[in-house]
């Protein structure tokens, strides 16, 4: 509830400011592919009596939305949220246990604050961005043995799964009318708290200016 109230207050403030600075705000939505380096890094147990399923597919899907405020002719600040999903299908059988077409998922929640700038006034369609990211995770894991099976989802609430880092990206966009732009964006996320690259993305974008 606190998060919802904060979000409503934030957007109310943004809309109030927009009335005084007409045309400086825009909203961008994006949805596309991501590659997650972390989900392939588990060491899984495989033996005669035990088997673990932790790793997920490197390629997944990501989508999100960002609010932008134009600082000048070629730059803006951005506040956004994205959610990525990487999964894996499990098929397993033993004399005492059968798992068929069961999917485990790894979910990233990205909370982002960034700065975007065009490379030049002559080429405003091509931009770069840099920023900070705070991430929370949901990690599903399965362990099976001769004694049974364990199905677990680790998350922020129970395991405090959170990390912080930075991102860099490129964005190419073109106007399709006075209010809308379409484009494509790529970003790379690096987690300072773990000293690892986490995610790379490639997403089409749609931007509405108001």
N, C-alpha and C. Protein backbone atom coordinates (compact mmCIF):
# COMPACT_ATOMS: atom_id res chain seq x y z
N UNK A 1 0.82 -1.20 0.00
CA UNK A 1 0.00 0.00 0.00
C UNK A 1 0.86 1.26 0.00
N UNK A 2 1.96 1.25 0.81
CA UNK A 2 2.84 2.40 0.85
C UNK A 2 3.46 2.66 -0.52
N UNK A 3 3.83 1.58 -1.22
CA UNK A 3 4.42 1.73 -2.55
C UNK A 3 3.43 2.35 -3.52
N UNK A 4 2.17 1.89 -3.46
CA UNK A 4 1.13 2.43 -4.35
C UNK A 4 0.91 3.91 -4.07
N UNK A 5 0.82 4.29 -2.78
CA UNK A 5 0.61 5.70 -2.43
C UNK A 5 1.78 6.56 -2.88
N UNK A 6 3.01 6.04 -2.70
CA UNK A 6 4.18 6.79 -3.15
C UNK A 6 4.15 7.00 -4.65
N UNK A 7 3.79 5.94 -5.40
CA UNK A 7 3.74 6.04 -6.86
C UNK A 7 2.70 7.06 -7.30
N UNK A 8 1.51 7.02 -6.67
CA UNK A 8 0.46 7.97 -7.02
C UNK A 8 0.90 9.41 -6.72
N UNK A 9 1.53 9.62 -5.58
CA UNK A 9 2.00 10.96 -5.23
C UNK A 9 3.07 11.43 -6.19
N UNK A 10 3.95 10.51 -6.57
CA UNK A 10 5.03 10.87 -7.49
C UNK A 10 4.48 11.32 -8.84
N UNK A 11 3.57 10.53 -9.40
CA UNK A 11 3.02 10.88 -10.71
C UNK A 11 2.14 12.12 -10.62
N UNK A 12 1.45 12.32 -9.50
CA UNK A 12 0.68 13.55 -9.34
C UNK A 12 1.59 14.76 -9.37
N UNK A 13 2.75 14.64 -8.70
CA UNK A 13 3.71 15.73 -8.72
C UNK A 13 4.28 15.97 -10.09
N UNK A 14 4.54 14.88 -10.81
CA UNK A 14 5.07 15.03 -12.16
C UNK A 14 4.08 15.71 -13.09
N UNK A 15 2.82 15.35 -12.98
CA UNK A 15 1.79 15.96 -13.83
C UNK A 15 1.60 17.42 -13.48
N UNK A 16 1.74 17.77 -12.18
CA UNK A 16 1.63 19.16 -11.79
C UNK A 16 2.77 19.99 -12.38
N UNK A 17 3.97 19.42 -12.34
CA UNK A 17 5.10 20.11 -12.94
C UNK A 17 4.95 20.22 -14.44
N UNK A 18 4.34 19.21 -15.05
CA UNK A 18 4.17 19.23 -16.50
C UNK A 18 3.27 20.36 -16.95
N UNK A 19 2.29 20.73 -16.10
CA UNK A 19 1.41 21.83 -16.45
C UNK A 19 2.20 23.14 -16.57
N UNK A 20 3.33 23.24 -15.80
CA UNK A 20 4.15 24.42 -15.86
C UNK A 20 5.25 24.32 -16.91
N UNK A 21 5.59 23.11 -17.31
CA UNK A 21 6.66 22.88 -18.29
C UNK A 21 6.11 22.01 -19.42
N UNK A 22 5.18 22.52 -20.16
CA UNK A 22 4.47 21.73 -21.17
C UNK A 22 5.44 21.16 -22.20
N UNK A 23 5.27 19.89 -22.46
CA UNK A 23 6.07 19.24 -23.48
C UNK A 23 7.38 18.66 -23.01
N UNK A 24 7.69 18.75 -21.73
CA UNK A 24 8.97 18.24 -21.23
C UNK A 24 8.90 16.77 -20.80
N UNK A 25 7.71 16.21 -20.65
CA UNK A 25 7.57 14.85 -20.16
C UNK A 25 7.22 13.88 -21.28
N UNK A 26 7.64 12.64 -21.11
CA UNK A 26 7.26 11.56 -22.02
C UNK A 26 7.29 10.24 -21.25
N UNK A 27 6.55 9.29 -21.76
CA UNK A 27 6.50 7.94 -21.18
C UNK A 27 6.92 6.95 -22.25
N UNK A 28 7.83 6.08 -21.89
CA UNK A 28 8.32 5.06 -22.82
C UNK A 28 7.97 3.67 -22.30
N UNK A 29 7.43 2.83 -23.16
CA UNK A 29 7.24 1.42 -22.83
C UNK A 29 8.14 0.59 -23.73
N UNK A 30 8.59 -0.54 -23.20
CA UNK A 30 9.50 -1.39 -23.97
C UNK A 30 9.25 -2.85 -23.64
N UNK A 31 9.50 -3.71 -24.61
CA UNK A 31 9.33 -5.15 -24.40
C UNK A 31 10.16 -5.89 -25.43
N UNK A 32 10.96 -6.85 -24.97
CA UNK A 32 11.80 -7.58 -25.92
C UNK A 32 12.60 -8.68 -25.26
N UNK A 33 13.83 -8.88 -25.74
CA UNK A 33 14.68 -9.98 -25.31
C UNK A 33 15.71 -9.53 -24.29
N UNK A 34 16.10 -10.47 -23.43
CA UNK A 34 17.21 -10.22 -22.52
C UNK A 34 18.06 -11.48 -22.42
N UNK A 35 19.31 -11.26 -22.08
CA UNK A 35 20.21 -12.36 -21.77
C UNK A 35 20.70 -12.20 -20.34
N UNK A 36 20.54 -13.24 -19.53
CA UNK A 36 20.89 -13.16 -18.11
C UNK A 36 22.10 -14.06 -17.85
N UNK A 37 23.23 -13.43 -17.48
CA UNK A 37 24.46 -14.18 -17.24
C UNK A 37 24.38 -15.00 -15.96
N UNK A 38 23.69 -14.47 -14.97
CA UNK A 38 23.65 -15.14 -13.66
C UNK A 38 22.94 -16.49 -13.70
N UNK A 39 21.88 -16.61 -14.50
CA UNK A 39 21.05 -17.82 -14.43
C UNK A 39 21.75 -19.06 -14.98
N UNK A 40 22.93 -18.90 -15.59
CA UNK A 40 23.70 -20.05 -16.05
C UNK A 40 24.89 -20.35 -15.15
N UNK A 41 24.97 -19.68 -13.99
CA UNK A 41 26.18 -19.75 -13.17
C UNK A 41 26.08 -20.73 -12.00
N UNK A 42 24.93 -21.38 -11.81
CA UNK A 42 24.80 -22.32 -10.69
C UNK A 42 25.65 -23.58 -10.92
N UNK A 43 26.08 -24.17 -9.82
CA UNK A 43 26.69 -25.50 -9.86
C UNK A 43 25.62 -26.50 -9.42
N UNK A 44 25.11 -27.24 -10.37
CA UNK A 44 24.04 -28.19 -10.09
C UNK A 44 24.61 -29.55 -9.66
N UNK A 45 23.88 -30.19 -8.76
CA UNK A 45 24.27 -31.52 -8.26
C UNK A 45 23.66 -32.59 -9.17
N UNK A 46 24.49 -33.49 -9.62
CA UNK A 46 24.01 -34.63 -10.39
C UNK A 46 24.72 -35.89 -9.89
N UNK A 47 23.97 -36.79 -9.29
CA UNK A 47 24.54 -38.04 -8.80
C UNK A 47 23.49 -39.14 -8.91
N UNK A 48 23.86 -40.31 -8.46
CA UNK A 48 22.93 -41.44 -8.52
C UNK A 48 21.73 -41.22 -7.63
N UNK A 49 21.90 -40.45 -6.55
CA UNK A 49 20.83 -40.32 -5.55
C UNK A 49 20.24 -38.90 -5.48
N UNK A 50 20.93 -37.94 -6.09
CA UNK A 50 20.46 -36.56 -6.00
C UNK A 50 20.56 -35.86 -7.35
N UNK A 51 19.63 -34.92 -7.58
CA UNK A 51 19.64 -34.13 -8.81
C UNK A 51 19.07 -32.75 -8.49
N UNK A 52 19.76 -31.70 -8.92
CA UNK A 52 19.27 -30.34 -8.69
C UNK A 52 19.00 -29.65 -10.02
N UNK A 53 18.01 -28.77 -9.99
CA UNK A 53 17.64 -27.96 -11.16
C UNK A 53 17.63 -26.49 -10.73
N UNK A 54 18.70 -25.79 -11.03
CA UNK A 54 18.83 -24.40 -10.63
C UNK A 54 18.96 -23.46 -11.85
N UNK A 55 19.75 -23.88 -12.84
CA UNK A 55 20.02 -23.02 -14.00
C UNK A 55 18.77 -22.83 -14.85
N UNK A 56 18.70 -21.65 -15.49
CA UNK A 56 17.61 -21.36 -16.42
C UNK A 56 18.20 -21.01 -17.79
N UNK A 57 17.34 -20.83 -18.78
CA UNK A 57 17.80 -20.46 -20.12
C UNK A 57 18.39 -19.05 -20.11
N UNK A 58 19.49 -18.87 -20.84
CA UNK A 58 20.15 -17.57 -20.92
C UNK A 58 19.23 -16.51 -21.52
N UNK A 59 18.51 -16.88 -22.58
CA UNK A 59 17.61 -15.93 -23.26
C UNK A 59 16.26 -15.91 -22.56
N UNK A 60 15.80 -14.71 -22.24
CA UNK A 60 14.49 -14.53 -21.63
C UNK A 60 13.78 -13.32 -22.20
N UNK A 61 12.75 -12.87 -21.50
CA UNK A 61 11.95 -11.72 -21.94
C UNK A 61 11.98 -10.64 -20.87
N UNK A 62 11.93 -9.38 -21.31
CA UNK A 62 11.94 -8.25 -20.40
C UNK A 62 10.99 -7.18 -20.92
N UNK A 63 10.31 -6.52 -20.00
CA UNK A 63 9.40 -5.43 -20.36
C UNK A 63 9.36 -4.41 -19.24
N UNK A 64 9.04 -3.17 -19.60
CA UNK A 64 8.97 -2.15 -18.57
C UNK A 64 8.47 -0.82 -19.09
N UNK A 65 8.52 0.17 -18.22
CA UNK A 65 8.07 1.52 -18.55
C UNK A 65 8.97 2.53 -17.87
N UNK A 66 9.15 3.69 -18.51
CA UNK A 66 10.00 4.73 -17.96
C UNK A 66 9.36 6.10 -18.17
N UNK A 67 9.49 6.94 -17.16
CA UNK A 67 9.05 8.32 -17.25
C UNK A 67 10.28 9.18 -17.51
N UNK A 68 10.22 10.05 -18.53
CA UNK A 68 11.36 10.89 -18.90
C UNK A 68 11.01 12.37 -18.74
N UNK A 69 12.01 13.12 -18.28
CA UNK A 69 11.87 14.57 -18.18
C UNK A 69 12.99 15.22 -18.99
N UNK A 70 12.62 16.01 -19.99
CA UNK A 70 13.60 16.63 -20.88
C UNK A 70 14.28 17.80 -20.20
N UNK A 71 15.61 17.70 -20.10
CA UNK A 71 16.40 18.76 -19.49
C UNK A 71 16.74 19.87 -20.49
N UNK A 72 16.97 19.47 -21.74
CA UNK A 72 17.33 20.41 -22.78
C UNK A 72 17.04 19.81 -24.14
N UNK A 73 17.66 20.35 -25.16
CA UNK A 73 17.37 19.90 -26.52
C UNK A 73 17.85 18.48 -26.78
N UNK A 74 18.89 18.03 -26.06
CA UNK A 74 19.49 16.73 -26.38
C UNK A 74 19.61 15.81 -25.18
N UNK A 75 19.03 16.12 -24.04
CA UNK A 75 19.22 15.28 -22.86
C UNK A 75 17.96 15.20 -22.02
N UNK A 76 17.86 14.13 -21.23
CA UNK A 76 16.74 13.96 -20.30
C UNK A 76 17.15 13.05 -19.16
N UNK A 77 16.37 13.08 -18.09
CA UNK A 77 16.54 12.13 -17.00
C UNK A 77 15.39 11.14 -17.06
N UNK A 78 15.65 9.93 -16.52
CA UNK A 78 14.69 8.85 -16.67
C UNK A 78 14.51 8.13 -15.35
N UNK A 79 13.27 7.75 -15.07
CA UNK A 79 12.94 6.95 -13.90
C UNK A 79 12.08 5.79 -14.38
N UNK A 80 12.51 4.55 -14.10
CA UNK A 80 11.77 3.44 -14.68
C UNK A 80 11.80 2.16 -13.88
N UNK A 81 10.96 1.23 -14.32
CA UNK A 81 10.88 -0.12 -13.75
C UNK A 81 10.80 -1.12 -14.89
N UNK A 82 11.54 -2.23 -14.76
CA UNK A 82 11.46 -3.32 -15.73
C UNK A 82 11.43 -4.65 -14.99
N UNK A 83 10.88 -5.64 -15.67
CA UNK A 83 10.79 -6.99 -15.10
C UNK A 83 11.22 -7.99 -16.17
N UNK A 84 12.20 -8.82 -15.83
CA UNK A 84 12.67 -9.84 -16.77
C UNK A 84 12.37 -11.23 -16.23
N UNK A 85 12.19 -12.18 -17.16
CA UNK A 85 11.91 -13.57 -16.78
C UNK A 85 12.76 -14.50 -17.64
N UNK A 86 13.51 -15.36 -16.99
CA UNK A 86 14.23 -16.46 -17.64
C UNK A 86 13.74 -17.75 -17.02
N UNK A 87 13.37 -18.71 -17.87
CA UNK A 87 12.81 -19.95 -17.32
C UNK A 87 13.52 -21.17 -17.88
N UNK A 88 13.06 -22.33 -17.43
CA UNK A 88 13.61 -23.61 -17.87
C UNK A 88 12.57 -24.68 -17.65
N UNK A 89 12.44 -25.57 -18.61
CA UNK A 89 11.50 -26.68 -18.47
C UNK A 89 12.20 -27.88 -17.87
N UNK A 90 11.55 -28.49 -16.87
CA UNK A 90 12.11 -29.66 -16.20
C UNK A 90 11.31 -30.90 -16.57
N UNK A 91 12.02 -31.94 -16.98
CA UNK A 91 11.45 -33.27 -17.18
C UNK A 91 12.35 -34.25 -16.44
N UNK A 92 11.78 -34.98 -15.50
CA UNK A 92 12.59 -35.89 -14.67
C UNK A 92 11.73 -37.08 -14.27
N UNK A 93 12.36 -38.22 -14.22
CA UNK A 93 11.62 -39.41 -13.76
C UNK A 93 12.56 -40.34 -13.01
N UNK A 94 12.01 -40.97 -12.00
CA UNK A 94 12.72 -41.98 -11.22
C UNK A 94 11.66 -42.99 -10.77
N UNK A 95 12.07 -44.07 -10.14
CA UNK A 95 11.06 -45.06 -9.69
C UNK A 95 10.03 -44.49 -8.72
N UNK A 96 10.38 -43.39 -8.04
CA UNK A 96 9.46 -42.84 -7.03
C UNK A 96 8.94 -41.45 -7.34
N UNK A 97 9.45 -40.81 -8.42
CA UNK A 97 9.08 -39.42 -8.68
C UNK A 97 9.09 -39.14 -10.17
N UNK A 98 8.05 -38.41 -10.64
CA UNK A 98 7.97 -37.99 -12.04
C UNK A 98 7.65 -36.50 -12.09
N UNK A 99 8.46 -35.74 -12.84
CA UNK A 99 8.22 -34.31 -13.08
C UNK A 99 8.16 -34.12 -14.59
N UNK A 100 7.04 -33.60 -15.08
CA UNK A 100 6.85 -33.47 -16.53
C UNK A 100 6.43 -32.05 -16.90
N UNK A 101 7.15 -31.46 -17.86
CA UNK A 101 6.80 -30.13 -18.39
C UNK A 101 6.61 -29.09 -17.28
N UNK A 102 7.48 -29.12 -16.30
CA UNK A 102 7.41 -28.17 -15.18
C UNK A 102 8.44 -27.07 -15.40
N UNK A 103 8.02 -25.81 -15.25
CA UNK A 103 8.91 -24.68 -15.52
C UNK A 103 9.34 -24.00 -14.21
N UNK A 104 10.64 -23.73 -14.11
CA UNK A 104 11.15 -22.90 -13.03
C UNK A 104 11.60 -21.58 -13.63
N UNK A 105 11.49 -20.49 -12.84
CA UNK A 105 11.76 -19.15 -13.37
C UNK A 105 12.73 -18.38 -12.48
N UNK A 106 13.45 -17.50 -13.12
CA UNK A 106 14.24 -16.48 -12.42
C UNK A 106 13.70 -15.13 -12.86
N UNK A 107 13.28 -14.30 -11.90
CA UNK A 107 12.68 -13.00 -12.21
C UNK A 107 13.54 -11.89 -11.62
N UNK A 108 13.89 -10.92 -12.44
CA UNK A 108 14.59 -9.72 -11.99
C UNK A 108 13.62 -8.55 -11.97
N UNK A 109 13.67 -7.76 -10.92
CA UNK A 109 12.93 -6.50 -10.83
C UNK A 109 13.95 -5.36 -10.84
N UNK A 110 13.91 -4.53 -11.89
CA UNK A 110 14.86 -3.43 -12.07
C UNK A 110 14.19 -2.10 -11.70
N UNK A 111 14.78 -1.37 -10.76
CA UNK A 111 14.35 -0.01 -10.45
C UNK A 111 15.50 0.91 -10.86
N UNK A 112 15.22 1.83 -11.81
CA UNK A 112 16.30 2.51 -12.50
C UNK A 112 16.16 4.03 -12.48
N UNK A 113 17.30 4.70 -12.35
CA UNK A 113 17.39 6.15 -12.48
C UNK A 113 18.55 6.44 -13.41
N UNK A 114 18.27 7.15 -14.52
CA UNK A 114 19.32 7.33 -15.51
C UNK A 114 19.32 8.68 -16.19
N UNK A 115 20.36 8.91 -16.94
CA UNK A 115 20.55 10.12 -17.74
C UNK A 115 20.76 9.72 -19.18
N UNK A 116 20.01 10.33 -20.10
CA UNK A 116 20.09 10.01 -21.52
C UNK A 116 20.44 11.28 -22.31
N UNK A 117 21.29 11.11 -23.32
CA UNK A 117 21.71 12.25 -24.13
C UNK A 117 21.93 11.82 -25.58
N UNK A 118 21.54 12.66 -26.51
CA UNK A 118 21.83 12.42 -27.92
C UNK A 118 23.31 12.62 -28.17
N UNK A 119 23.86 11.89 -29.12
CA UNK A 119 25.27 12.05 -29.43
C UNK A 119 25.58 13.43 -29.99
N UNK A 120 24.62 14.01 -30.71
CA UNK A 120 24.79 15.37 -31.23
C UNK A 120 23.44 15.92 -31.65
N UNK A 121 23.37 17.24 -31.82
CA UNK A 121 22.13 17.86 -32.30
C UNK A 121 21.84 17.47 -33.73
N UNK A 122 22.88 17.16 -34.48
CA UNK A 122 22.69 16.76 -35.88
C UNK A 122 22.14 15.34 -35.99
N UNK A 123 22.37 14.52 -34.95
CA UNK A 123 21.88 13.14 -34.94
C UNK A 123 21.11 12.89 -33.66
N UNK A 124 19.97 13.55 -33.48
CA UNK A 124 19.21 13.39 -32.22
C UNK A 124 18.56 12.02 -32.06
N UNK A 125 18.48 11.27 -33.14
CA UNK A 125 17.82 9.96 -33.06
C UNK A 125 18.66 8.92 -32.34
N UNK A 126 19.99 9.10 -32.31
CA UNK A 126 20.87 8.14 -31.67
C UNK A 126 21.32 8.70 -30.32
N UNK A 127 21.01 7.94 -29.24
CA UNK A 127 21.28 8.41 -27.89
C UNK A 127 22.04 7.34 -27.10
N UNK A 128 22.71 7.79 -26.05
CA UNK A 128 23.30 6.88 -25.07
C UNK A 128 22.71 7.21 -23.70
N UNK A 129 22.71 6.23 -22.82
CA UNK A 129 22.25 6.50 -21.46
C UNK A 129 23.10 5.74 -20.45
N UNK A 130 23.20 6.32 -19.26
CA UNK A 130 23.92 5.72 -18.14
C UNK A 130 23.05 5.91 -16.90
N UNK A 131 23.22 5.06 -15.90
CA UNK A 131 22.41 5.24 -14.71
C UNK A 131 22.69 4.23 -13.63
N UNK A 132 21.87 4.33 -12.60
CA UNK A 132 21.94 3.45 -11.44
C UNK A 132 20.77 2.48 -11.45
N UNK A 133 20.99 1.27 -10.95
CA UNK A 133 19.92 0.28 -10.89
C UNK A 133 19.94 -0.41 -9.53
N UNK A 134 18.75 -0.59 -8.98
CA UNK A 134 18.53 -1.39 -7.78
C UNK A 134 17.68 -2.58 -8.19
N UNK A 135 18.12 -3.80 -7.83
CA UNK A 135 17.46 -5.00 -8.32
C UNK A 135 17.03 -5.90 -7.17
N UNK A 136 15.85 -6.52 -7.34
CA UNK A 136 15.37 -7.58 -6.47
C UNK A 136 15.08 -8.81 -7.33
N UNK A 137 15.12 -9.99 -6.69
CA UNK A 137 15.08 -11.23 -7.45
C UNK A 137 14.07 -12.23 -6.88
N UNK A 138 13.55 -13.06 -7.77
CA UNK A 138 12.79 -14.26 -7.40
C UNK A 138 13.47 -15.43 -8.10
N UNK A 139 13.96 -16.41 -7.33
CA UNK A 139 14.71 -17.52 -7.89
C UNK A 139 14.05 -18.84 -7.49
N UNK A 140 13.54 -19.56 -8.47
CA UNK A 140 12.92 -20.86 -8.21
C UNK A 140 13.94 -21.97 -8.43
N UNK A 141 13.96 -22.93 -7.49
CA UNK A 141 14.94 -24.01 -7.53
C UNK A 141 14.28 -25.32 -7.11
N UNK A 142 14.74 -26.41 -7.72
CA UNK A 142 14.19 -27.74 -7.43
C UNK A 142 15.33 -28.70 -7.11
N UNK A 143 15.15 -29.46 -6.04
CA UNK A 143 16.08 -30.53 -5.67
C UNK A 143 15.29 -31.82 -5.54
N UNK A 144 15.81 -32.90 -6.13
CA UNK A 144 15.16 -34.21 -5.99
C UNK A 144 16.19 -35.22 -5.48
N UNK A 145 15.69 -36.19 -4.75
CA UNK A 145 16.55 -37.24 -4.21
C UNK A 145 15.72 -38.51 -4.03
N UNK A 146 16.36 -39.53 -3.52
CA UNK A 146 15.64 -40.79 -3.29
C UNK A 146 14.61 -40.63 -2.17
N UNK A 147 14.72 -39.53 -1.42
CA UNK A 147 13.80 -39.31 -0.31
C UNK A 147 12.62 -38.41 -0.68
N UNK A 148 12.65 -37.78 -1.87
CA UNK A 148 11.56 -36.91 -2.26
C UNK A 148 12.05 -35.73 -3.07
N UNK A 149 11.31 -34.61 -3.00
CA UNK A 149 11.65 -33.44 -3.80
C UNK A 149 11.39 -32.17 -3.00
N UNK A 150 12.17 -31.13 -3.32
CA UNK A 150 12.02 -29.82 -2.70
C UNK A 150 11.82 -28.78 -3.79
N UNK A 151 10.73 -28.01 -3.69
CA UNK A 151 10.43 -26.93 -4.63
C UNK A 151 10.46 -25.61 -3.83
N UNK A 152 11.37 -24.72 -4.20
CA UNK A 152 11.56 -23.51 -3.41
C UNK A 152 11.65 -22.28 -4.31
N UNK A 153 11.05 -21.18 -3.85
CA UNK A 153 11.25 -19.88 -4.50
C UNK A 153 11.88 -18.94 -3.50
N UNK A 154 13.13 -18.55 -3.75
CA UNK A 154 13.82 -17.58 -2.90
C UNK A 154 13.55 -16.18 -3.43
N UNK A 155 13.31 -15.24 -2.54
CA UNK A 155 12.96 -13.89 -2.96
C UNK A 155 13.43 -12.87 -1.93
N UNK A 156 13.06 -11.60 -2.17
CA UNK A 156 13.49 -10.54 -1.26
C UNK A 156 12.84 -10.68 0.12
N UNK A 157 11.58 -11.06 0.14
CA UNK A 157 10.86 -11.12 1.41
C UNK A 157 11.47 -12.13 2.36
N UNK A 158 11.84 -13.30 1.85
CA UNK A 158 12.32 -14.37 2.73
C UNK A 158 13.85 -14.45 2.82
N UNK A 159 14.55 -14.01 1.75
CA UNK A 159 16.01 -14.14 1.73
C UNK A 159 16.74 -12.82 1.49
N UNK A 160 16.02 -11.72 1.41
CA UNK A 160 16.62 -10.40 1.19
C UNK A 160 17.48 -10.39 -0.07
N UNK A 161 16.98 -10.95 -1.16
CA UNK A 161 17.74 -10.99 -2.40
C UNK A 161 17.66 -9.63 -3.09
N UNK A 162 18.72 -8.86 -3.02
CA UNK A 162 18.78 -7.54 -3.61
C UNK A 162 20.23 -7.20 -3.95
N UNK A 163 20.42 -6.42 -5.00
CA UNK A 163 21.75 -5.98 -5.42
C UNK A 163 21.65 -4.57 -6.00
N UNK A 164 22.79 -3.90 -6.12
CA UNK A 164 22.83 -2.57 -6.71
C UNK A 164 23.93 -2.49 -7.75
N UNK A 165 23.71 -1.64 -8.76
CA UNK A 165 24.71 -1.53 -9.81
C UNK A 165 24.49 -0.36 -10.72
N UNK A 166 25.03 -0.48 -11.93
CA UNK A 166 24.95 0.58 -12.93
C UNK A 166 24.56 -0.04 -14.27
N UNK A 167 24.16 0.82 -15.21
CA UNK A 167 23.88 0.35 -16.56
C UNK A 167 24.35 1.37 -17.58
N UNK A 168 24.60 0.88 -18.80
CA UNK A 168 24.90 1.74 -19.94
C UNK A 168 24.05 1.23 -21.11
N UNK A 169 23.69 2.13 -22.03
CA UNK A 169 22.84 1.70 -23.13
C UNK A 169 22.89 2.61 -24.33
N UNK A 170 22.34 2.11 -25.42
CA UNK A 170 22.17 2.86 -26.66
C UNK A 170 20.71 2.79 -27.06
N UNK A 171 20.20 3.87 -27.65
CA UNK A 171 18.79 3.95 -28.04
C UNK A 171 18.69 4.69 -29.37
N UNK A 172 18.04 4.04 -30.33
CA UNK A 172 17.77 4.69 -31.62
C UNK A 172 16.26 4.82 -31.77
N UNK A 173 15.78 6.03 -32.05
CA UNK A 173 14.34 6.25 -32.16
C UNK A 173 14.03 7.24 -33.28
N UNK A 174 12.83 7.15 -33.81
CA UNK A 174 12.35 8.05 -34.87
C UNK A 174 10.92 8.45 -34.57
N UNK A 175 10.59 9.70 -34.87
CA UNK A 175 9.23 10.18 -34.70
C UNK A 175 8.33 9.58 -35.76
N UNK A 176 7.12 9.18 -35.33
CA UNK A 176 6.13 8.70 -36.30
C UNK A 176 4.96 9.68 -36.41
N UNK A 177 4.83 10.58 -35.43
CA UNK A 177 3.93 11.73 -35.55
C UNK A 177 4.34 12.74 -34.49
N UNK A 178 3.53 13.71 -34.17
CA UNK A 178 3.91 14.78 -33.24
C UNK A 178 4.01 14.29 -31.80
N UNK A 179 3.39 13.16 -31.47
CA UNK A 179 3.35 12.67 -30.10
C UNK A 179 4.13 11.38 -29.86
N UNK A 180 4.34 10.58 -30.90
CA UNK A 180 4.89 9.24 -30.71
C UNK A 180 6.24 9.06 -31.42
N UNK A 181 7.12 8.30 -30.74
CA UNK A 181 8.37 7.82 -31.33
C UNK A 181 8.39 6.30 -31.23
N UNK A 182 9.02 5.66 -32.21
CA UNK A 182 9.31 4.23 -32.10
C UNK A 182 10.83 4.07 -32.17
N UNK A 183 11.34 3.02 -31.54
CA UNK A 183 12.78 2.84 -31.55
C UNK A 183 13.19 1.46 -31.08
N UNK A 184 14.48 1.32 -30.86
CA UNK A 184 15.02 0.08 -30.33
C UNK A 184 16.15 0.45 -29.36
N UNK A 185 16.19 -0.27 -28.23
CA UNK A 185 17.14 0.04 -27.17
C UNK A 185 17.92 -1.20 -26.75
N UNK A 186 19.20 -1.00 -26.41
CA UNK A 186 20.01 -2.07 -25.84
C UNK A 186 20.68 -1.55 -24.58
N UNK A 187 20.71 -2.38 -23.53
CA UNK A 187 21.35 -2.00 -22.28
C UNK A 187 22.16 -3.16 -21.71
N UNK A 188 23.20 -2.79 -20.96
CA UNK A 188 24.02 -3.76 -20.25
C UNK A 188 24.04 -3.37 -18.78
N UNK A 189 23.72 -4.32 -17.91
CA UNK A 189 23.65 -4.08 -16.47
C UNK A 189 24.83 -4.75 -15.76
N UNK A 190 25.48 -3.97 -14.90
CA UNK A 190 26.62 -4.47 -14.13
C UNK A 190 26.34 -4.25 -12.65
N UNK A 191 26.46 -5.31 -11.85
CA UNK A 191 26.17 -5.23 -10.42
C UNK A 191 27.46 -4.96 -9.65
N UNK A 192 27.54 -3.77 -9.07
CA UNK A 192 28.72 -3.40 -8.30
C UNK A 192 28.82 -4.24 -7.03
N UNK A 193 27.68 -4.57 -6.44
CA UNK A 193 27.67 -5.31 -5.18
C UNK A 193 28.21 -6.73 -5.32
N UNK A 194 28.18 -7.31 -6.53
CA UNK A 194 28.72 -8.65 -6.75
C UNK A 194 29.88 -8.67 -7.73
N UNK A 195 30.19 -7.49 -8.33
CA UNK A 195 31.28 -7.37 -9.29
C UNK A 195 31.08 -8.30 -10.49
N UNK A 196 29.85 -8.33 -11.02
CA UNK A 196 29.53 -9.20 -12.16
C UNK A 196 28.60 -8.49 -13.14
N UNK A 197 28.70 -8.86 -14.41
CA UNK A 197 27.70 -8.47 -15.38
C UNK A 197 26.47 -9.35 -15.17
N UNK A 198 25.29 -8.73 -15.19
CA UNK A 198 24.08 -9.49 -14.88
C UNK A 198 23.20 -9.71 -16.11
N UNK A 199 22.84 -8.64 -16.81
CA UNK A 199 21.83 -8.75 -17.87
C UNK A 199 22.18 -7.85 -19.04
N UNK A 200 21.87 -8.32 -20.25
CA UNK A 200 21.94 -7.51 -21.45
C UNK A 200 20.58 -7.57 -22.13
N UNK A 201 20.11 -6.45 -22.68
CA UNK A 201 18.75 -6.39 -23.23
C UNK A 201 18.74 -5.84 -24.65
N UNK A 202 17.71 -6.20 -25.38
CA UNK A 202 17.43 -5.64 -26.71
C UNK A 202 15.92 -5.54 -26.84
N UNK A 203 15.37 -4.31 -26.79
CA UNK A 203 13.93 -4.12 -26.72
C UNK A 203 13.44 -3.04 -27.67
N UNK A 204 12.43 -3.31 -28.48
CA UNK A 204 11.72 -2.22 -29.18
C UNK A 204 11.08 -1.29 -28.17
N UNK A 205 10.94 -0.01 -28.54
CA UNK A 205 10.36 0.99 -27.63
C UNK A 205 9.28 1.80 -28.34
N UNK A 206 8.32 2.27 -27.53
CA UNK A 206 7.29 3.20 -27.99
C UNK A 206 7.22 4.31 -26.97
N UNK A 207 7.38 5.56 -27.44
CA UNK A 207 7.42 6.72 -26.55
C UNK A 207 6.29 7.67 -26.87
N UNK A 208 5.61 8.14 -25.83
CA UNK A 208 4.53 9.13 -25.96
C UNK A 208 4.96 10.41 -25.27
N UNK A 209 4.91 11.54 -25.99
CA UNK A 209 5.28 12.85 -25.46
C UNK A 209 4.00 13.61 -25.04
N UNK A 210 4.07 14.21 -23.86
CA UNK A 210 2.90 14.98 -23.42
C UNK A 210 3.33 16.23 -22.65
